[in-house]
């Protein structure tokens, strides 16, 4: 009996010690999956024809073989090439979680000279048929594979929507009927009417988006579809669309139907919308309605493919829109709010100028103020270089590290233009106009040039940090110290909370960083730039690295 009592006594002691140890253990926070947030996304913008050639057999179609001006013909980039780079993990390493590609619809078959030499529609903005993918870019199967592969990598896909105009008229591409398009006057851009009820440039027929008059299909489209053996199917789908919506068979509604088919058939996640200010604002509200309906239907019909609860994303190109103007765009005689019932975000043409003219401190405070107030609930898409902006932030690619710091650590959605991360040249001898911005991706330099690889590594580190932390682009900003410049970003939604501390232009070597306002003593942190792990003590952490950037995140 005595022996039994001793055994029970020691058992009670052991249990008691275990319970005490459990009580003293610091609880480990449950790791929640990082949500995708459009307003903090890291979006990659590429010209489909200029990124990567994955199928050389489709490089020439429709006898597009005239000698063109420099960089004004098709160069072989295609959908398979993009999918290849997604599969290889190129975008994962770069921290990209959304890709916007230029339009993939069938382009005009002829070439035209706008004053810059013979040009083909390699860029995708000269539509011949909205219902078909241009064979230079690939096939329906190729686009489906691209979207599915991207989604497996957690990458959203934006296509590019053009409703404002058809392609130019050539000997192979007749003008659409008068009830569909106007061919004059040419826009003067001095007021609202002279910006929307006119052609953007000479020989670029303007869709009559203001019209509610019912129109028949263009005869050239009817003839084309019959030759391709799909006329009856296309007409059947149009009948169903107009019966469901009750819209008149006016030009803009045909095009909306054709564009939303890419949601139905491929499950794309959003559209970048071209030439927004050249079309009546109600058109974009109607387009928003149809995109939302179609995306909801796609989600309902494809539950296993749904990525999250985000709605369909629309970002608009209102040329020269600036974040300083908040929700309004001023035509001189009229102000328009394109966010209202239409766009989630607008491309911010001011960003690169702010980066040039403002200190990093003032730059961040400006964007925090506007995005937290006038634009709360909406967003901006920021860029430092792009396909049609002839004044990029760093045309000579001498400030590649600074460009990455401003863009990828800035508030709002970041647009990485293909080759920003690899210092692809933006000054190409012998080119005219925007062709200089559209050279083929410099894969050889990425593979073989050490300096290019160093630039790419910097973009990768910042990009992955941004992707992993919605707080970077979509959070609220607070300065911790002005010199050295250290700041925090915090983001919360529902049960998810994200907090980071960022330092830029710091001294190389040892540095002590105050994190009192963000992290607690005992918190284990990691500098995502150097890879060092540290523990908060007395509200501070010490980092010893040869880098001038620190990216602090909690590890547990």
Protein backbone atom coordinates (compact mmCIF):
# COMPACT_ATOMS: atom_id res chain seq x y z
CA UNK A 1 0.00 0.00 0.00
CA UNK A 2 2.82 2.38 0.90
CA UNK A 3 4.40 1.70 -2.48
CA UNK A 4 1.11 2.54 -4.19
CA UNK A 5 0.88 5.90 -2.38
CA UNK A 6 4.43 6.80 -3.49
CA UNK A 7 3.64 6.03 -7.12
CA UNK A 8 0.48 8.19 -6.98
CA UNK A 9 2.44 11.03 -5.28
CA UNK A 10 5.13 11.19 -7.96
CA UNK A 11 2.52 10.93 -10.72
CA UNK A 12 0.71 13.98 -9.33
CA UNK A 13 3.99 15.92 -9.21
CA UNK A 14 4.78 15.09 -12.87
CA UNK A 15 1.29 16.10 -14.04
CA UNK A 16 1.47 19.32 -12.02
CA UNK A 17 4.85 20.24 -13.54
CA UNK A 18 3.56 19.59 -17.07
CA UNK A 19 0.52 21.80 -16.49
CA UNK A 20 2.74 24.56 -15.06
CA UNK A 21 5.07 24.41 -18.05
CA UNK A 22 2.08 24.64 -20.41
CA UNK A 23 0.86 27.72 -18.58
CA UNK A 24 4.30 29.35 -18.85
CA UNK A 25 4.73 28.62 -22.58
CA UNK A 26 4.21 31.65 -24.84
CA UNK A 27 1.25 30.85 -27.13
CA UNK A 28 2.20 30.47 -30.77
CA UNK A 29 -0.03 32.55 -33.03
CA UNK A 30 -1.85 30.53 -35.62
CA UNK A 31 -0.40 31.31 -39.04
CA UNK A 32 -3.15 32.60 -41.28
CA UNK A 33 -2.95 32.43 -45.05
CA UNK A 34 -2.01 35.76 -46.58
CA UNK A 35 -5.00 37.14 -48.50
CA UNK A 36 -4.68 38.55 -51.98
CA UNK A 37 -5.45 42.28 -51.95
CA UNK A 38 -5.73 44.09 -55.29
CA UNK A 39 -4.81 47.47 -53.81
CA UNK A 40 -1.49 46.04 -52.61
CA UNK A 41 -0.82 43.65 -55.48
CA UNK A 42 2.45 43.37 -57.40
CA UNK A 43 1.28 43.39 -61.02
CA UNK A 44 3.47 42.60 -64.01
CA UNK A 45 2.63 44.32 -67.31
CA UNK A 46 3.93 42.78 -70.52
CA UNK A 47 3.44 43.11 -74.26
CA UNK A 48 2.30 39.67 -75.32
CA UNK A 49 4.34 39.84 -78.53
CA UNK A 50 7.54 41.04 -76.83
CA UNK A 51 7.94 38.86 -73.74
CA UNK A 52 8.83 35.28 -74.67
CA UNK A 53 8.49 33.14 -77.80
CA UNK A 54 7.16 29.75 -76.77
CA UNK A 55 6.05 28.60 -80.23
CA UNK A 56 8.02 29.68 -83.29
CA UNK A 57 5.51 27.99 -85.62
CA UNK A 58 2.98 30.84 -85.11
CA UNK A 59 5.32 33.76 -85.76
CA UNK A 60 3.84 34.75 -89.15
CA UNK A 61 0.12 34.76 -89.98
CA UNK A 62 -2.11 36.47 -92.57
CA UNK A 63 0.99 37.21 -94.66
CA UNK A 64 2.05 39.97 -92.27
CA UNK A 65 5.43 40.06 -93.96
CA UNK A 66 5.96 43.64 -95.13
CA UNK A 67 9.18 45.29 -94.02
CA UNK A 68 8.26 47.45 -91.04
CA UNK A 69 9.87 50.32 -89.22
CA UNK A 70 12.16 49.21 -86.39
CA UNK A 71 10.32 47.28 -83.64
CA UNK A 72 6.95 47.82 -85.38
CA UNK A 73 6.28 44.27 -86.54
CA UNK A 74 5.45 41.02 -84.76
CA UNK A 75 8.50 39.57 -82.96
CA UNK A 76 7.20 36.16 -81.87
CA UNK A 77 6.10 36.57 -78.26
CA UNK A 78 3.04 34.49 -77.45
CA UNK A 79 0.82 32.91 -74.80
CA UNK A 80 2.89 29.73 -74.63
CA UNK A 81 5.95 31.84 -73.90
CA UNK A 82 4.24 33.50 -70.94
CA UNK A 83 2.99 30.15 -69.61
CA UNK A 84 6.51 28.77 -69.89
CA UNK A 85 7.88 31.51 -67.64
CA UNK A 86 5.02 31.05 -65.15
CA UNK A 87 5.78 27.32 -64.97
CA UNK A 88 9.51 27.96 -64.54
CA UNK A 89 8.75 30.11 -61.48
CA UNK A 90 10.07 33.36 -62.95
CA UNK A 91 7.11 35.35 -61.63
CA UNK A 92 7.10 33.54 -58.27
CA UNK A 93 10.73 34.54 -57.69
CA UNK A 94 9.87 38.11 -58.69
CA UNK A 95 7.00 38.26 -56.19
CA UNK A 96 4.37 38.80 -58.88
CA UNK A 97 0.77 37.94 -58.02
CA UNK A 98 -1.01 39.45 -61.04
CA UNK A 99 -0.16 39.70 -64.74
CA UNK A 100 -1.65 42.16 -67.21
CA UNK A 101 -0.97 41.42 -70.86
CA UNK A 102 -1.80 43.52 -73.89
CA UNK A 103 -4.88 42.48 -75.91
CA UNK A 104 -4.82 39.01 -77.43
CA UNK A 105 -7.82 39.38 -79.77
CA UNK A 106 -7.35 39.07 -83.53
CA UNK A 107 -5.63 42.11 -84.99
CA UNK A 108 -5.96 43.74 -88.40
CA UNK A 109 -4.23 41.73 -91.10
CA UNK A 110 -2.67 44.66 -92.93
CA UNK A 111 0.03 47.11 -91.96
CA UNK A 112 -0.36 50.87 -91.78
CA UNK A 113 1.85 53.96 -91.45
CA UNK A 114 0.82 56.48 -88.80
CA UNK A 115 3.83 58.64 -89.56
CA UNK A 116 6.31 56.36 -87.80
CA UNK A 117 6.76 53.80 -90.58
CA UNK A 118 4.86 50.62 -91.53
CA UNK A 119 3.38 49.07 -88.40
CA UNK A 120 1.44 45.88 -87.71
CA UNK A 121 -0.89 45.40 -84.74
CA UNK A 122 1.71 43.54 -82.67
CA UNK A 123 0.66 45.55 -79.61
CA UNK A 124 -2.89 44.23 -79.66
CA UNK A 125 -4.84 47.50 -79.74
CA UNK A 126 -5.97 47.30 -83.40
CA UNK A 127 -8.90 44.90 -83.21
CA UNK A 128 -10.31 43.11 -86.23
CA UNK A 129 -12.38 40.48 -84.38
CA UNK A 130 -13.08 40.60 -80.64
CA UNK A 131 -14.28 36.98 -80.62
CA UNK A 132 -11.06 35.29 -81.72
CA UNK A 133 -7.52 35.08 -80.39
CA UNK A 134 -4.92 36.26 -82.86
CA UNK A 135 -2.92 33.22 -84.05
CA UNK A 136 0.32 35.15 -83.60
CA UNK A 137 -0.39 35.01 -79.86
CA UNK A 138 -1.72 31.45 -79.84
CA UNK A 139 -4.96 29.53 -79.50
CA UNK A 140 -7.95 29.19 -77.19
CA UNK A 141 -6.20 26.19 -75.64
CA UNK A 142 -3.06 28.27 -75.04
CA UNK A 143 -4.98 30.98 -73.19
CA UNK A 144 -6.85 28.43 -71.10
CA UNK A 145 -3.59 26.76 -70.12
CA UNK A 146 -2.04 30.12 -69.28
CA UNK A 147 -4.86 31.13 -66.93
CA UNK A 148 -4.99 27.73 -65.24
CA UNK A 149 -1.20 27.64 -64.77
CA UNK A 150 -1.17 31.17 -63.40
CA UNK A 151 -3.95 30.36 -60.92
CA UNK A 152 -2.00 27.33 -59.67
CA UNK A 153 0.82 29.75 -58.87
CA UNK A 154 -1.53 32.18 -57.12
CA UNK A 155 -1.26 34.68 -59.98
CA UNK A 156 -4.32 36.56 -61.26
CA UNK A 157 -4.69 37.33 -64.97
CA UNK A 158 -5.84 40.64 -66.47
CA UNK A 159 -6.57 40.95 -70.14
CA UNK A 160 -6.82 44.31 -71.89
CA UNK A 161 -10.23 45.61 -73.02
CA UNK A 162 -10.67 47.99 -75.96
CA UNK A 163 -14.21 49.28 -76.58
CA UNK A 164 -13.36 52.72 -77.96
CA UNK A 165 -12.12 51.83 -81.45
CA UNK A 166 -11.48 49.20 -84.09
CA UNK A 167 -8.16 48.79 -85.84
CA UNK A 168 -7.09 51.11 -88.67
CA UNK A 169 -8.45 50.68 -92.17
CA UNK A 170 -6.10 48.93 -94.61
CA UNK A 171 -6.45 47.20 -97.97
CA UNK A 172 -7.07 43.99 -95.99
CA UNK A 173 -9.24 45.52 -93.29
CA UNK A 174 -12.30 47.46 -94.51
CA UNK A 175 -13.92 50.12 -92.36
CA UNK A 176 -16.88 48.99 -90.25
CA UNK A 177 -20.36 50.31 -91.23
CA UNK A 178 -21.29 53.95 -90.54
CA UNK A 179 -23.80 52.94 -87.87
CA UNK A 180 -20.93 51.29 -85.95
CA UNK A 181 -18.09 53.83 -86.29
CA UNK A 182 -17.19 57.42 -87.10
CA UNK A 183 -14.05 58.22 -89.05
CA UNK A 184 -14.01 61.96 -88.27
CA UNK A 185 -13.61 64.47 -86.73
CA UNK A 186 -10.24 63.86 -85.12
CA UNK A 187 -10.11 64.65 -81.39
CA UNK A 188 -8.84 68.08 -80.32
CA UNK A 189 -8.75 67.16 -76.61
CA UNK A 190 -9.69 70.68 -75.50
CA UNK A 191 -12.96 69.75 -73.78
CA UNK A 192 -15.18 66.77 -72.92
CA UNK A 193 -16.96 66.45 -76.27
CA UNK A 194 -13.78 66.91 -78.29
CA UNK A 195 -12.24 64.03 -76.36
CA UNK A 196 -14.98 61.40 -76.69
CA UNK A 197 -17.06 62.09 -79.84
CA UNK A 198 -14.12 61.87 -82.25
CA UNK A 199 -11.30 59.63 -83.44
CA UNK A 200 -8.17 59.40 -81.29
CA UNK A 201 -5.93 59.77 -84.33
CA UNK A 202 -6.36 59.73 -88.08
CA UNK A 203 -7.49 56.37 -89.49
CA UNK A 204 -8.55 54.85 -86.18
CA UNK A 205 -12.36 54.45 -86.50
CA UNK A 206 -14.18 55.42 -83.31
CA UNK A 207 -16.93 53.10 -82.05
CA UNK A 208 -20.21 55.02 -81.60
CA UNK A 209 -20.44 54.12 -77.92
CA UNK A 210 -23.02 56.85 -77.32
CA UNK A 211 -25.53 55.21 -79.69
CA UNK A 212 -28.53 53.18 -78.55
CA UNK A 213 -29.63 52.49 -82.12
CA UNK A 214 -29.88 48.81 -83.03
CA UNK A 215 -27.32 47.75 -85.64
CA UNK A 216 -26.72 44.57 -87.63
CA UNK A 217 -23.43 42.70 -87.47
CA UNK A 218 -20.75 44.17 -89.76
CA UNK A 219 -20.82 42.27 -93.08
CA UNK A 220 -17.09 41.58 -92.98
CA UNK A 221 -17.55 39.87 -89.61
CA UNK A 222 -20.47 37.80 -90.88
CA UNK A 223 -18.43 36.70 -93.90
CA UNK A 224 -15.43 35.86 -91.70
CA UNK A 225 -17.45 33.81 -89.19
CA UNK A 226 -19.14 31.85 -91.99
CA UNK A 227 -15.78 30.96 -93.51
CA UNK A 228 -14.60 29.82 -90.06
CA UNK A 229 -17.74 27.75 -89.56
CA UNK A 230 -18.96 29.47 -86.42
CA UNK A 231 -21.51 32.02 -87.61
CA UNK A 232 -24.56 30.18 -86.24
CA UNK A 233 -22.97 29.68 -82.82
CA UNK A 234 -21.91 33.32 -82.53
CA UNK A 235 -25.39 34.55 -83.49
CA UNK A 236 -27.03 32.11 -81.05
CA UNK A 237 -24.88 33.44 -78.20
CA UNK A 238 -25.64 37.06 -79.15
CA UNK A 239 -29.39 36.29 -79.16
CA UNK A 240 -29.10 34.80 -75.68
CA UNK A 241 -27.12 37.79 -74.40
CA UNK A 242 -29.54 40.40 -75.68
CA UNK A 243 -32.53 38.39 -74.45
CA UNK A 244 -31.04 38.12 -70.96
CA UNK A 245 -29.92 41.73 -70.63
CA UNK A 246 -32.65 43.56 -72.53
CA UNK A 247 -30.01 45.86 -74.03
CA UNK A 248 -30.54 47.25 -77.52
CA UNK A 249 -28.28 45.75 -80.16
CA UNK A 250 -26.12 48.86 -80.11
CA UNK A 251 -22.38 48.71 -80.91
CA UNK A 252 -21.06 48.93 -77.34
CA UNK A 253 -23.22 46.06 -76.08
CA UNK A 254 -21.98 43.70 -78.78
CA UNK A 255 -18.42 44.42 -77.69
CA UNK A 256 -19.26 44.01 -73.99
CA UNK A 257 -20.70 40.59 -74.77
CA UNK A 258 -17.57 39.58 -76.67
CA UNK A 259 -15.24 40.81 -73.93
CA UNK A 260 -17.13 39.17 -71.07
CA UNK A 261 -16.94 35.86 -72.98
CA UNK A 262 -13.27 35.75 -71.91
CA UNK A 263 -14.48 35.57 -68.32
CA UNK A 264 -16.94 32.80 -69.12
CA UNK A 265 -14.53 30.74 -71.19
CA UNK A 266 -11.22 31.24 -69.39
CA UNK A 267 -11.96 32.54 -65.89
CA UNK A 268 -9.81 35.67 -66.16
CA UNK A 269 -9.70 37.82 -63.02
CA UNK A 270 -9.91 41.33 -64.41
CA UNK A 271 -9.49 43.79 -67.23
CA UNK A 272 -7.22 46.73 -67.75
CA UNK A 273 -9.44 49.04 -69.82
CA UNK A 274 -7.99 51.11 -72.63
CA UNK A 275 -8.81 54.73 -73.59
CA UNK A 276 -11.36 55.22 -70.80
CA UNK A 277 -11.71 58.99 -71.05
CA UNK A 278 -12.50 58.75 -74.77
CA UNK A 279 -15.77 56.96 -74.03
CA UNK A 280 -18.87 58.09 -72.12
CA UNK A 281 -18.64 57.24 -68.42
CA UNK A 282 -21.96 55.35 -68.42
CA UNK A 283 -20.34 52.79 -70.76
CA UNK A 284 -17.96 51.76 -67.98
CA UNK A 285 -20.77 51.45 -65.47
CA UNK A 286 -22.56 49.14 -67.91
CA UNK A 287 -19.35 47.20 -68.51
CA UNK A 288 -18.84 46.84 -64.75
CA UNK A 289 -22.34 45.41 -64.38
CA UNK A 290 -21.79 42.80 -67.11
CA UNK A 291 -18.33 41.84 -65.83
CA UNK A 292 -19.65 41.38 -62.29
CA UNK A 293 -22.57 39.25 -63.49
CA UNK A 294 -20.37 37.07 -65.70
CA UNK A 295 -17.68 36.60 -63.04
CA UNK A 296 -20.28 35.59 -60.46
CA UNK A 297 -21.71 33.08 -62.93
CA UNK A 298 -18.25 31.70 -63.66
CA UNK A 299 -17.57 31.25 -59.95
CA UNK A 300 -20.91 29.50 -59.48
CA UNK A 301 -20.22 27.17 -62.38
CA UNK A 302 -16.57 26.50 -61.48
CA UNK A 303 -16.45 26.24 -57.66
CA UNK A 304 -13.24 24.18 -57.65
CA UNK A 305 -11.38 26.89 -59.62
CA UNK A 306 -12.39 29.89 -57.47
CA UNK A 307 -9.33 31.49 -55.88
CA UNK A 308 -11.00 33.71 -53.27
CA UNK A 309 -13.87 36.09 -52.55
CA UNK A 310 -12.45 39.00 -54.54
CA UNK A 311 -14.72 40.46 -57.18
CA UNK A 312 -13.82 41.13 -60.79
CA UNK A 313 -11.09 43.77 -61.03
CA UNK A 314 -11.28 46.73 -63.39
CA UNK A 315 -8.43 49.20 -63.70
CA UNK A 316 -8.85 52.08 -66.12
CA UNK A 317 -6.46 54.00 -68.32
CA UNK A 318 -7.68 57.59 -68.01
CA UNK A 319 -4.71 59.15 -69.72
CA UNK A 320 -3.00 61.72 -67.44
CA UNK A 321 -5.14 60.87 -64.39
CA UNK A 322 -3.27 61.86 -61.23
CA UNK A 323 -3.75 60.69 -57.66
CA UNK A 324 -3.70 64.35 -56.57
CA UNK A 325 -7.12 64.77 -58.19
CA UNK A 326 -8.71 62.09 -56.02
CA UNK A 327 -11.80 60.63 -57.66
CA UNK A 328 -12.21 63.35 -60.29
CA UNK A 329 -10.76 63.79 -63.77
CA UNK A 330 -11.00 67.31 -65.16
CA UNK A 331 -11.67 67.84 -68.88
CA UNK A 332 -11.61 71.63 -68.46
CA UNK A 333 -15.33 72.06 -68.94
CA UNK A 334 -16.44 68.97 -66.99
CA UNK A 335 -15.26 66.71 -64.16
CA UNK A 336 -15.93 62.98 -64.24
CA UNK A 337 -15.69 60.37 -61.45
CA UNK A 338 -14.67 57.16 -63.21
CA UNK A 339 -14.54 55.22 -59.95
CA UNK A 340 -18.29 55.56 -59.40
CA UNK A 341 -19.92 52.18 -60.08
CA UNK A 342 -17.14 51.36 -62.53
CA UNK A 343 -13.43 51.09 -61.74
CA UNK A 344 -11.66 49.63 -58.72
CA UNK A 345 -8.56 51.56 -59.66
CA UNK A 346 -7.08 53.97 -62.21
CA UNK A 347 -3.58 54.08 -63.64
CA UNK A 348 -1.71 56.84 -61.82
CA UNK A 349 0.30 58.90 -64.32
CA UNK A 350 1.66 61.12 -61.53
CA UNK A 351 3.60 58.47 -59.62
CA UNK A 352 6.91 58.72 -61.50
CA UNK A 353 6.89 62.53 -61.15
CA UNK A 354 6.22 62.29 -57.42
CA UNK A 355 9.14 59.86 -57.17
CA UNK A 356 11.39 62.38 -58.94
CA UNK A 357 10.26 65.48 -57.08
CA UNK A 358 9.46 64.36 -53.53
CA UNK A 359 11.62 62.92 -50.77
CA UNK A 360 10.75 59.35 -49.81
CA UNK A 361 9.19 60.71 -46.62
CA UNK A 362 6.94 63.27 -48.36
CA UNK A 363 6.17 60.78 -51.11
CA UNK A 364 4.85 58.18 -48.66
CA UNK A 365 2.91 60.71 -46.60
CA UNK A 366 1.17 62.08 -49.72
CA UNK A 367 0.00 58.64 -50.84
CA UNK A 368 -1.04 57.59 -47.34
CA UNK A 369 -3.14 60.74 -47.01
CA UNK A 370 -5.00 60.36 -50.31
CA UNK A 371 -5.51 56.58 -50.19
CA UNK A 372 -6.72 56.71 -46.59
CA UNK A 373 -9.19 59.50 -47.26
CA UNK A 374 -10.46 60.63 -50.68
CA UNK A 375 -9.67 57.28 -52.34
CA UNK A 376 -10.50 55.05 -49.40
CA UNK A 377 -11.99 51.84 -50.78
CA UNK A 378 -10.43 52.43 -54.21
CA UNK A 379 -6.90 52.24 -55.56
CA UNK A 380 -4.28 53.44 -58.02
CA UNK A 381 -1.94 51.49 -60.28
CA UNK A 382 1.52 53.04 -60.08
CA UNK A 383 4.31 52.72 -62.62
CA UNK A 384 7.78 54.03 -63.36
CA UNK A 385 7.85 53.03 -67.03
CA UNK A 386 5.20 51.80 -69.45
CA UNK A 387 4.47 51.00 -73.08
CA UNK A 388 3.20 54.40 -74.20
CA UNK A 389 4.77 56.92 -71.82
CA UNK A 390 7.71 58.51 -73.55
CA UNK A 391 9.10 60.00 -70.33
CA UNK A 392 9.89 57.05 -68.03
CA UNK A 393 11.41 57.63 -64.60
CA UNK A 394 14.77 56.13 -65.55
CA UNK A 395 15.12 55.82 -69.35
CA UNK A 396 18.86 55.07 -69.19
CA UNK A 397 18.38 52.44 -66.48
CA UNK A 398 20.92 54.08 -64.17
CA UNK A 399 18.60 54.11 -61.12
CA UNK A 400 17.31 50.55 -61.13
CA UNK A 401 17.64 50.00 -57.36
CA UNK A 402 16.03 53.33 -56.51
CA UNK A 403 13.24 52.62 -59.02
CA UNK A 404 12.48 49.33 -57.27
CA UNK A 405 12.51 50.95 -53.82
CA UNK A 406 10.02 53.63 -54.78
CA UNK A 407 7.72 51.37 -56.80
CA UNK A 408 7.69 48.16 -54.76
CA UNK A 409 7.71 49.82 -51.33
CA UNK A 410 5.13 52.43 -52.36
CA UNK A 411 1.46 52.54 -51.43
CA UNK A 412 -1.00 51.40 -54.08
CA UNK A 413 -0.77 48.62 -56.65
CA UNK A 414 2.66 48.38 -58.29
CA UNK A 415 3.02 47.89 -62.04
CA UNK A 416 6.30 46.27 -63.00
CA UNK A 417 6.70 46.88 -66.74
CA UNK A 418 8.45 43.95 -68.36
CA UNK A 419 12.19 44.52 -68.14
CA UNK A 420 12.07 46.99 -65.24
CA UNK A 421 13.52 44.18 -63.16
CA UNK A 422 16.30 43.44 -65.67
CA UNK A 423 17.20 46.95 -66.82
CA UNK A 424 15.89 46.27 -70.35
CA UNK A 425 16.89 49.27 -72.43
CA UNK A 426 14.29 51.96 -73.09
CA UNK A 427 16.47 53.80 -75.59
CA UNK A 428 16.74 51.89 -78.85
CA UNK A 429 18.56 53.54 -81.74
CA UNK A 430 16.63 53.75 -84.99
CA UNK A 431 13.15 53.59 -83.47
CA UNK A 432 10.37 56.14 -83.81
CA UNK A 433 7.95 57.09 -81.02
CA UNK A 434 6.90 54.51 -78.45
CA UNK A 435 8.67 51.66 -80.29
CA UNK A 436 11.74 52.47 -78.19
CA UNK A 437 9.84 51.31 -75.11
CA UNK A 438 8.83 47.96 -76.65
CA UNK A 439 11.97 45.95 -77.34
CA UNK A 440 12.00 42.19 -76.77
CA UNK A 441 12.63 40.98 -73.23
CA UNK A 442 16.37 40.74 -72.48
CA UNK A 443 16.53 37.08 -71.44
CA UNK A 444 20.14 36.74 -72.53
CA UNK A 445 21.26 39.45 -70.08
CA UNK A 446 19.26 37.82 -67.29
CA UNK A 447 21.02 34.54 -68.01
CA UNK A 448 24.57 35.78 -68.53
CA UNK A 449 25.18 39.32 -67.25
CA UNK A 450 26.21 39.65 -63.61
CA UNK A 451 25.10 43.28 -63.24
CA UNK A 452 21.66 42.42 -64.64
CA UNK A 453 21.43 39.51 -62.20
CA UNK A 454 22.24 41.82 -59.27
CA UNK A 455 19.47 44.18 -60.33
CA UNK A 456 17.05 41.28 -60.71
CA UNK A 457 17.92 39.95 -57.23
CA UNK A 458 17.04 43.31 -55.68
CA UNK A 459 13.68 43.39 -57.46
CA UNK A 460 13.02 39.79 -56.42
CA UNK A 461 13.66 40.48 -52.74
CA UNK A 462 11.42 43.54 -52.64
CA UNK A 463 8.80 41.90 -54.82
CA UNK A 464 8.52 38.79 -52.66
CA UNK A 465 8.27 40.91 -49.52
CA UNK A 466 5.50 42.96 -51.09
CA UNK A 467 3.65 39.85 -52.24
CA UNK A 468 3.88 38.28 -48.79
CA UNK A 469 2.68 41.40 -47.00
CA UNK A 470 -0.47 43.26 -48.10
CA UNK A 471 0.52 45.92 -45.57
CA UNK A 472 3.27 47.15 -47.91
CA UNK A 473 0.94 48.37 -50.65
CA UNK A 474 -2.49 48.42 -49.00
CA UNK A 475 -1.66 49.27 -45.40
CA UNK A 476 -1.54 52.47 -43.39
CA UNK A 477 1.82 54.23 -43.26
CA UNK A 478 3.63 55.64 -40.21
CA UNK A 479 7.11 57.09 -40.04
CA UNK A 480 9.28 55.77 -37.21
CA UNK A 481 12.41 57.85 -37.77
CA UNK A 482 13.20 60.40 -40.47
CA UNK A 483 16.96 59.92 -40.43
CA UNK A 484 17.69 57.13 -41.01
CA UNK A 485 14.38 56.72 -42.85
CA UNK A 486 12.41 53.91 -41.22
CA UNK A 487 8.66 53.42 -41.40
CA UNK A 488 5.93 50.89 -40.67
CA UNK A 489 2.94 49.62 -42.59
CA UNK A 490 -0.07 47.95 -40.98
CA UNK A 491 -3.00 46.20 -42.63
CA UNK A 492 -6.05 44.57 -41.04
CA UNK A 493 -9.12 42.95 -42.49
CA UNK A 494 -11.49 40.63 -40.63
CA UNK A 495 -9.21 38.34 -38.56
CA UNK A 496 -6.07 38.95 -40.63
CA UNK A 497 -3.44 41.43 -39.43
CA UNK A 498 -0.15 42.23 -41.11
CA UNK A 499 2.62 44.48 -39.78
CA UNK A 500 6.05 45.27 -41.21
CA UNK A 501 8.91 47.70 -40.61
CA UNK A 502 10.94 48.99 -43.55
CA UNK A 503 14.18 50.93 -43.68
CA UNK A 504 15.75 52.43 -46.81
CA UNK A 505 18.97 54.35 -47.50
CA UNK A 506 20.44 52.97 -44.29
CA UNK A 507 24.15 52.69 -43.55
CA UNK A 508 25.84 49.46 -44.47
CA UNK A 509 27.01 47.30 -41.59
CA UNK A 510 25.48 47.43 -38.11
CA UNK A 511 22.19 49.24 -37.57
CA UNK A 512 19.81 49.46 -34.62
CA UNK A 513 16.12 49.84 -35.49
CA UNK A 514 13.37 50.97 -33.14
CA UNK A 515 10.30 48.77 -33.57
CA UNK A 516 8.46 49.75 -30.38
CA UNK A 517 5.31 50.93 -32.15
CA UNK A 518 4.95 47.72 -34.15
CA UNK A 519 6.43 44.69 -32.40
CA UNK A 520 6.73 43.52 -28.78
CA UNK A 521 9.75 42.48 -26.76
CA UNK A 522 10.45 38.84 -27.41
CA UNK A 523 8.96 38.88 -30.93
CA UNK A 524 11.09 36.93 -33.35
CA UNK A 525 11.65 38.86 -36.59
CA UNK A 526 13.41 38.29 -39.87
CA UNK A 527 15.02 40.80 -42.19
CA UNK A 528 13.68 39.51 -45.50
CA UNK A 529 16.41 41.36 -47.39
CA UNK A 530 19.49 39.92 -45.67
CA UNK A 531 17.86 36.79 -44.26
CA UNK A 532 18.97 37.57 -40.69
CA UNK A 533 16.76 36.56 -37.77
CA UNK A 534 16.59 38.74 -34.67
CA UNK A 535 14.61 39.05 -31.44
CA UNK A 536 13.10 42.30 -30.20
CA UNK A 537 14.75 43.51 -26.99
CA UNK A 538 13.97 46.80 -25.27
CA UNK A 539 11.90 47.74 -28.31
CA UNK A 540 14.80 47.42 -30.72
CA UNK A 541 16.53 45.00 -33.06
CA UNK A 542 20.09 45.00 -34.34
CA UNK A 543 20.88 44.10 -37.94
CA UNK A 544 24.41 43.72 -39.30
CA UNK A 545 24.29 43.50 -43.08
CA UNK A 546 26.11 44.97 -46.08
CA UNK A 547 22.80 46.30 -47.43
CA UNK A 548 21.08 49.69 -47.20
CA UNK A 549 17.59 48.15 -47.07
CA UNK A 550 15.90 46.35 -44.16
CA UNK A 551 12.56 44.54 -44.49
CA UNK A 552 11.36 43.34 -41.08
CA UNK A 553 8.61 40.75 -40.73
CA UNK A 554 7.43 38.59 -37.84
CA UNK A 555 8.48 34.93 -38.07
CA UNK A 556 5.96 33.56 -35.52
